[in-house]
Each structure stands twice: as C-alpha cells, then as structure tokens.
Amino acid sequence: MQKTRKRKERITPDTWKNIEGRLPLKKKINDSSLARLQERYRAEHSENNRRVKRNIRTDKRADGEELTKQAQEAARKGEKRNVYKITRLVCGKYSSNRNVPIRDKQGQLLTSEKDREAQ
C-alpha cells in the first residue's frame, strides 16, 4: 500500500505529472544491467529532473505573485486582517484556529452552535 501525500496547492497538475514521471525512469536505471542503457536512462532522468525543478520554481513564483496581488488588493480596500493573514502565510507562520474549542466567560466548553453564536 502506497502512502498518499498531501499535495501543495501551488504546484500545477502538469508539474505533478512530471514529478510522477521520474519514478519509472529511476526504476529503469536500477533494473537495467547494461551500462549503455543505464547511461541513457540517467540522461532522461536528469533532463526530467531539471524540467521538474524549473516548473516548481515557476509555480512557486506565480503563487508568490498571486499572493502579492491579493495582499495589495486587500491593502487598497483597507482589509488589514487579510493583509496580515497573507503575510503570515508567506512567512510560513500561518495556522488556522478553526478547530479551537470555544469557551464562555466562566470557562465552560460551548458545544452547540446556538451557544457559540450567542458568544
């Protein structure tokens, strides 16, 4: 059984295809017994590896530019909360607090939606 990894949102599906295409090439390198075949497969693998790294850099830059545009738009509208949220996301210090339990003033855990809305 193969583990499923959480895919990064900034990487495009085309890049993921290239990433997944590296594994068969690596297997061919390891399985081939002839030195000529190994060299040919290594050349293919290194070319594919370069392409993957180039695509990932491009995707990362595009994602950064998109986040920059979102932050600028939020700043223009005066939405400080979104500006700070995007800044923390870019810095890698962002964590959502949606699953944090809500307590009332006495410290009791609020479990129902009506209780949460009242607070």
N, C-alpha and C. Protein backbone atom coordinates (compact mmCIF):
# COMPACT_ATOMS: atom_id res chain seq x y z
N MET A 1 0.83 -1.18 0.00
CA MET A 1 0.00 0.00 0.00
C MET A 1 0.88 1.24 0.00
N GLN A 2 0.61 2.16 -0.89
CA GLN A 2 1.42 3.36 -1.03
C GLN A 2 0.81 4.50 -0.22
N LYS A 3 1.68 5.26 0.44
CA LYS A 3 1.21 6.41 1.20
C LYS A 3 0.74 7.50 0.25
N THR A 4 -0.30 8.19 0.65
CA THR A 4 -0.73 9.34 -0.14
C THR A 4 -0.20 10.59 0.54
N ARG A 5 0.39 11.43 -0.24
CA ARG A 5 0.97 12.66 0.28
C ARG A 5 0.00 13.80 0.09
N LYS A 6 0.09 14.77 0.98
CA LYS A 6 -0.70 15.98 0.82
C LYS A 6 0.01 16.84 -0.22
N ARG A 7 -0.68 17.15 -1.29
CA ARG A 7 -0.08 17.90 -2.37
C ARG A 7 -0.13 19.39 -2.07
N LYS A 8 0.94 20.05 -2.41
CA LYS A 8 1.00 21.50 -2.22
C LYS A 8 0.12 22.16 -3.27
N GLU A 9 -0.64 23.14 -2.84
CA GLU A 9 -1.60 23.78 -3.73
C GLU A 9 -0.93 24.61 -4.82
N ARG A 10 0.27 25.08 -4.57
CA ARG A 10 0.90 25.97 -5.54
C ARG A 10 1.47 25.23 -6.74
N ILE A 11 1.61 23.92 -6.66
CA ILE A 11 2.18 23.16 -7.77
C ILE A 11 1.06 22.75 -8.72
N THR A 12 1.26 23.03 -10.00
CA THR A 12 0.24 22.77 -11.02
C THR A 12 0.18 21.27 -11.35
N PRO A 13 -0.96 20.82 -11.89
CA PRO A 13 -1.09 19.40 -12.26
C PRO A 13 -0.06 18.94 -13.29
N ASP A 14 0.33 19.82 -14.20
CA ASP A 14 1.35 19.47 -15.19
C ASP A 14 2.68 19.15 -14.51
N THR A 15 3.02 19.93 -13.50
CA THR A 15 4.25 19.67 -12.75
C THR A 15 4.14 18.35 -12.00
N TRP A 16 2.96 18.06 -11.45
CA TRP A 16 2.78 16.78 -10.74
C TRP A 16 2.95 15.61 -11.70
N LYS A 17 2.51 15.75 -12.94
CA LYS A 17 2.71 14.67 -13.92
C LYS A 17 4.20 14.43 -14.15
N ASN A 18 4.96 15.53 -14.25
CA ASN A 18 6.41 15.39 -14.45
C ASN A 18 7.06 14.76 -13.22
N ILE A 19 6.60 15.13 -12.04
CA ILE A 19 7.16 14.55 -10.81
C ILE A 19 6.91 13.05 -10.78
N GLU A 20 5.68 12.65 -11.11
CA GLU A 20 5.34 11.23 -11.10
C GLU A 20 6.04 10.48 -12.22
N GLY A 21 6.42 11.17 -13.27
CA GLY A 21 7.13 10.53 -14.38
C GLY A 21 8.58 10.20 -14.08
N ARG A 22 9.13 10.76 -13.01
CA ARG A 22 10.52 10.48 -12.65
C ARG A 22 10.69 9.08 -12.07
N LEU A 23 9.70 8.60 -11.36
CA LEU A 23 9.83 7.31 -10.67
C LEU A 23 10.07 6.14 -11.63
N PRO A 24 9.31 6.00 -12.73
CA PRO A 24 9.59 4.90 -13.66
C PRO A 24 11.00 4.99 -14.26
N LEU A 25 11.46 6.21 -14.51
CA LEU A 25 12.82 6.36 -15.05
C LEU A 25 13.86 5.88 -14.03
N LYS A 26 13.64 6.20 -12.78
CA LYS A 26 14.57 5.76 -11.73
C LYS A 26 14.56 4.23 -11.62
N LYS A 27 13.38 3.63 -11.75
CA LYS A 27 13.28 2.17 -11.71
C LYS A 27 14.01 1.53 -12.89
N LYS A 28 13.89 2.16 -14.06
CA LYS A 28 14.59 1.64 -15.24
C LYS A 28 16.10 1.69 -15.05
N ILE A 29 16.59 2.75 -14.41
CA ILE A 29 18.02 2.85 -14.14
C ILE A 29 18.47 1.72 -13.24
N ASN A 30 17.71 1.47 -12.19
CA ASN A 30 18.09 0.44 -11.22
C ASN A 30 17.92 -0.97 -11.77
N ASP A 31 16.94 -1.17 -12.66
CA ASP A 31 16.66 -2.51 -13.16
C ASP A 31 17.54 -2.91 -14.35
N SER A 32 18.07 -1.95 -15.07
CA SER A 32 18.85 -2.30 -16.25
C SER A 32 20.24 -2.80 -15.85
N SER A 33 20.70 -3.80 -16.59
CA SER A 33 22.00 -4.39 -16.28
C SER A 33 23.10 -3.89 -17.22
N LEU A 34 22.71 -3.38 -18.36
CA LEU A 34 23.69 -2.89 -19.32
C LEU A 34 24.07 -1.44 -19.01
N ALA A 35 25.34 -1.15 -19.11
CA ALA A 35 25.83 0.19 -18.78
C ALA A 35 25.31 1.24 -19.77
N ARG A 36 25.18 0.86 -21.05
CA ARG A 36 24.69 1.82 -22.04
C ARG A 36 23.25 2.23 -21.74
N LEU A 37 22.42 1.25 -21.37
CA LEU A 37 21.03 1.57 -21.04
C LEU A 37 20.96 2.44 -19.79
N GLN A 38 21.79 2.12 -18.81
CA GLN A 38 21.79 2.92 -17.58
C GLN A 38 22.15 4.37 -17.88
N GLU A 39 23.13 4.58 -18.73
CA GLU A 39 23.53 5.95 -19.07
C GLU A 39 22.41 6.69 -19.80
N ARG A 40 21.73 5.98 -20.71
CA ARG A 40 20.63 6.62 -21.45
C ARG A 40 19.49 6.99 -20.50
N TYR A 41 19.14 6.06 -19.59
CA TYR A 41 18.08 6.33 -18.63
C TYR A 41 18.48 7.44 -17.65
N ARG A 42 19.76 7.47 -17.28
CA ARG A 42 20.23 8.55 -16.39
C ARG A 42 20.09 9.90 -17.08
N ALA A 43 20.42 9.94 -18.36
CA ALA A 43 20.30 11.20 -19.11
C ALA A 43 18.83 11.65 -19.17
N GLU A 44 17.92 10.70 -19.43
CA GLU A 44 16.49 11.02 -19.43
C GLU A 44 16.03 11.51 -18.06
N HIS A 45 16.49 10.80 -17.02
CA HIS A 45 16.09 11.14 -15.66
C HIS A 45 16.61 12.53 -15.28
N SER A 46 17.84 12.84 -15.61
CA SER A 46 18.39 14.15 -15.25
C SER A 46 17.68 15.27 -16.01
N GLU A 47 17.33 15.03 -17.27
CA GLU A 47 16.58 16.03 -18.04
C GLU A 47 15.19 16.25 -17.42
N ASN A 48 14.54 15.15 -17.07
CA ASN A 48 13.22 15.24 -16.43
C ASN A 48 13.33 15.95 -15.08
N ASN A 49 14.38 15.65 -14.34
CA ASN A 49 14.59 16.26 -13.03
C ASN A 49 14.79 17.78 -13.18
N ARG A 50 15.56 18.19 -14.17
CA ARG A 50 15.75 19.62 -14.42
C ARG A 50 14.43 20.31 -14.78
N ARG A 51 13.64 19.62 -15.61
CA ARG A 51 12.35 20.17 -16.02
C ARG A 51 11.42 20.33 -14.80
N VAL A 52 11.42 19.32 -13.92
CA VAL A 52 10.58 19.37 -12.72
C VAL A 52 11.00 20.55 -11.83
N LYS A 53 12.29 20.69 -11.60
CA LYS A 53 12.76 21.76 -10.74
C LYS A 53 12.44 23.13 -11.34
N ARG A 54 12.58 23.26 -12.65
CA ARG A 54 12.27 24.52 -13.32
C ARG A 54 10.77 24.83 -13.19
N ASN A 55 9.92 23.81 -13.38
CA ASN A 55 8.48 24.01 -13.27
C ASN A 55 8.08 24.37 -11.84
N ILE A 56 8.71 23.75 -10.86
CA ILE A 56 8.39 24.05 -9.46
C ILE A 56 8.77 25.49 -9.13
N ARG A 57 9.93 25.93 -9.61
CA ARG A 57 10.33 27.33 -9.38
C ARG A 57 9.33 28.29 -10.02
N THR A 58 8.90 27.97 -11.24
CA THR A 58 7.93 28.81 -11.94
C THR A 58 6.61 28.86 -11.17
N ASP A 59 6.14 27.69 -10.72
CA ASP A 59 4.89 27.63 -9.96
C ASP A 59 4.99 28.40 -8.65
N LYS A 60 6.13 28.30 -8.00
CA LYS A 60 6.32 29.00 -6.72
C LYS A 60 6.32 30.51 -6.94
N ARG A 61 6.98 30.96 -8.00
CA ARG A 61 6.98 32.40 -8.30
C ARG A 61 5.57 32.90 -8.62
N ALA A 62 4.84 32.12 -9.42
CA ALA A 62 3.47 32.52 -9.79
C ALA A 62 2.59 32.59 -8.55
N ASP A 63 2.75 31.64 -7.64
CA ASP A 63 1.97 31.64 -6.41
C ASP A 63 2.32 32.85 -5.55
N GLY A 64 3.60 33.18 -5.47
CA GLY A 64 4.02 34.35 -4.71
C GLY A 64 3.47 35.63 -5.30
N GLU A 65 3.48 35.72 -6.63
CA GLU A 65 2.93 36.90 -7.29
C GLU A 65 1.43 37.03 -7.04
N GLU A 66 0.74 35.89 -7.07
CA GLU A 66 -0.71 35.91 -6.81
C GLU A 66 -1.00 36.36 -5.37
N LEU A 67 -0.23 35.85 -4.42
CA LEU A 67 -0.40 36.27 -3.03
C LEU A 67 -0.09 37.76 -2.87
N THR A 68 0.91 38.24 -3.57
CA THR A 68 1.25 39.66 -3.54
C THR A 68 0.10 40.51 -4.06
N LYS A 69 -0.49 40.08 -5.17
CA LYS A 69 -1.63 40.81 -5.72
C LYS A 69 -2.80 40.83 -4.74
N GLN A 70 -3.05 39.68 -4.10
CA GLN A 70 -4.14 39.61 -3.12
C GLN A 70 -3.88 40.54 -1.94
N ALA A 71 -2.63 40.58 -1.47
CA ALA A 71 -2.29 41.45 -0.34
C ALA A 71 -2.42 42.92 -0.74
N GLN A 72 -1.98 43.26 -1.94
CA GLN A 72 -2.09 44.64 -2.40
C GLN A 72 -3.56 45.06 -2.54
N GLU A 73 -4.37 44.16 -3.06
CA GLU A 73 -5.79 44.45 -3.21
C GLU A 73 -6.45 44.62 -1.84
N ALA A 74 -6.10 43.76 -0.89
CA ALA A 74 -6.65 43.87 0.45
C ALA A 74 -6.19 45.16 1.12
N ALA A 75 -4.94 45.55 0.91
CA ALA A 75 -4.43 46.80 1.48
C ALA A 75 -5.14 48.00 0.85
N ARG A 76 -5.39 47.92 -0.44
CA ARG A 76 -6.08 49.02 -1.12
C ARG A 76 -7.50 49.18 -0.58
N LYS A 77 -8.16 48.05 -0.26
CA LYS A 77 -9.51 48.09 0.28
C LYS A 77 -9.54 48.39 1.77
N GLY A 78 -8.37 48.36 2.41
CA GLY A 78 -8.30 48.62 3.86
C GLY A 78 -8.61 47.40 4.70
N GLU A 79 -8.44 46.21 4.15
CA GLU A 79 -8.70 44.96 4.88
C GLU A 79 -7.41 44.49 5.54
N LYS A 80 -7.12 45.05 6.69
CA LYS A 80 -5.86 44.75 7.38
C LYS A 80 -5.78 43.28 7.78
N ARG A 81 -6.89 42.72 8.16
CA ARG A 81 -6.90 41.31 8.59
C ARG A 81 -6.38 40.40 7.47
N ASN A 82 -6.86 40.63 6.26
CA ASN A 82 -6.41 39.80 5.13
C ASN A 82 -4.94 40.05 4.80
N VAL A 83 -4.51 41.30 4.93
CA VAL A 83 -3.10 41.62 4.67
C VAL A 83 -2.21 40.85 5.64
N TYR A 84 -2.54 40.88 6.92
CA TYR A 84 -1.74 40.18 7.92
C TYR A 84 -1.82 38.67 7.73
N LYS A 85 -2.99 38.17 7.34
CA LYS A 85 -3.16 36.74 7.10
C LYS A 85 -2.25 36.27 5.97
N ILE A 86 -2.23 37.03 4.88
CA ILE A 86 -1.38 36.67 3.73
C ILE A 86 0.09 36.79 4.10
N THR A 87 0.42 37.82 4.89
CA THR A 87 1.81 37.98 5.32
C THR A 87 2.27 36.80 6.15
N ARG A 88 1.44 36.35 7.07
CA ARG A 88 1.80 35.18 7.89
C ARG A 88 1.89 33.93 7.03
N LEU A 89 1.02 33.82 6.04
CA LEU A 89 1.04 32.66 5.15
C LEU A 89 2.35 32.62 4.36
N VAL A 90 2.79 33.76 3.87
CA VAL A 90 4.04 33.83 3.11
C VAL A 90 5.23 33.52 4.00
N CYS A 91 5.19 33.99 5.23
CA CYS A 91 6.30 33.77 6.17
C CYS A 91 6.33 32.34 6.71
N GLY A 92 5.25 31.59 6.51
CA GLY A 92 5.21 30.23 6.99
C GLY A 92 4.78 30.10 8.43
N LYS A 93 4.21 31.15 8.99
CA LYS A 93 3.81 31.13 10.39
C LYS A 93 2.29 31.14 10.53
N TYR A 94 1.60 30.75 9.48
CA TYR A 94 0.14 30.79 9.50
C TYR A 94 -0.41 29.47 9.98
N SER A 95 -1.31 29.53 10.91
CA SER A 95 -2.07 28.34 11.31
C SER A 95 -3.49 28.77 11.58
N SER A 96 -4.40 28.06 11.01
CA SER A 96 -5.81 28.39 11.18
C SER A 96 -6.26 27.93 12.55
N ASN A 97 -7.11 28.70 13.19
CA ASN A 97 -7.60 28.33 14.52
C ASN A 97 -9.08 27.99 14.47
N ARG A 98 -9.50 27.34 13.42
CA ARG A 98 -10.91 26.98 13.27
C ARG A 98 -11.33 25.84 14.20
N ASN A 99 -10.43 24.97 14.56
CA ASN A 99 -10.77 23.81 15.37
C ASN A 99 -10.50 24.02 16.85
N VAL A 100 -10.30 25.25 17.25
CA VAL A 100 -10.04 25.55 18.65
C VAL A 100 -11.37 25.52 19.40
N PRO A 101 -11.42 24.83 20.55
CA PRO A 101 -12.68 24.81 21.29
C PRO A 101 -13.03 26.20 21.82
N ILE A 102 -14.32 26.51 21.79
CA ILE A 102 -14.78 27.81 22.25
C ILE A 102 -15.31 27.66 23.67
N ARG A 103 -14.90 28.58 24.54
CA ARG A 103 -15.33 28.56 25.94
C ARG A 103 -16.03 29.88 26.26
N ASP A 104 -16.95 29.81 27.22
CA ASP A 104 -17.62 31.04 27.64
C ASP A 104 -16.80 31.74 28.71
N LYS A 105 -17.33 32.82 29.28
CA LYS A 105 -16.58 33.62 30.25
C LYS A 105 -16.25 32.86 31.52
N GLN A 106 -17.06 31.85 31.86
CA GLN A 106 -16.80 31.06 33.05
C GLN A 106 -15.84 29.90 32.77
N GLY A 107 -15.46 29.71 31.52
CA GLY A 107 -14.52 28.65 31.17
C GLY A 107 -15.18 27.36 30.75
N GLN A 108 -16.50 27.35 30.62
CA GLN A 108 -17.22 26.14 30.22
C GLN A 108 -17.14 25.97 28.70
N LEU A 109 -16.96 24.75 28.27
CA LEU A 109 -16.86 24.44 26.84
C LEU A 109 -18.23 24.58 26.19
N LEU A 110 -18.31 25.33 25.09
CA LEU A 110 -19.56 25.51 24.35
C LEU A 110 -19.60 24.48 23.24
N THR A 111 -20.63 23.64 23.27
CA THR A 111 -20.70 22.54 22.32
C THR A 111 -21.73 22.75 21.22
N SER A 112 -22.81 23.43 21.48
CA SER A 112 -23.84 23.59 20.46
C SER A 112 -23.61 24.87 19.65
N GLU A 113 -24.15 24.88 18.46
CA GLU A 113 -24.00 26.03 17.57
C GLU A 113 -24.70 27.26 18.15
N LYS A 114 -25.84 27.07 18.80
CA LYS A 114 -26.58 28.20 19.36
C LYS A 114 -25.76 28.89 20.46
N ASP A 115 -25.12 28.09 21.28
CA ASP A 115 -24.29 28.66 22.35
C ASP A 115 -23.12 29.44 21.75
N ARG A 116 -22.52 28.92 20.71
CA ARG A 116 -21.37 29.59 20.08
C ARG A 116 -21.78 30.91 19.45
N GLU A 117 -22.94 30.92 18.80
CA GLU A 117 -23.42 32.14 18.15
C GLU A 117 -23.76 33.21 19.17
N ALA A 118 -24.22 32.79 20.36
CA ALA A 118 -24.59 33.75 21.40
C ALA A 118 -23.35 34.46 21.94
N GLN A 119 -22.23 33.80 21.90
CA GLN A 119 -20.98 34.40 22.43
C GLN A 119 -20.42 35.27 21.41
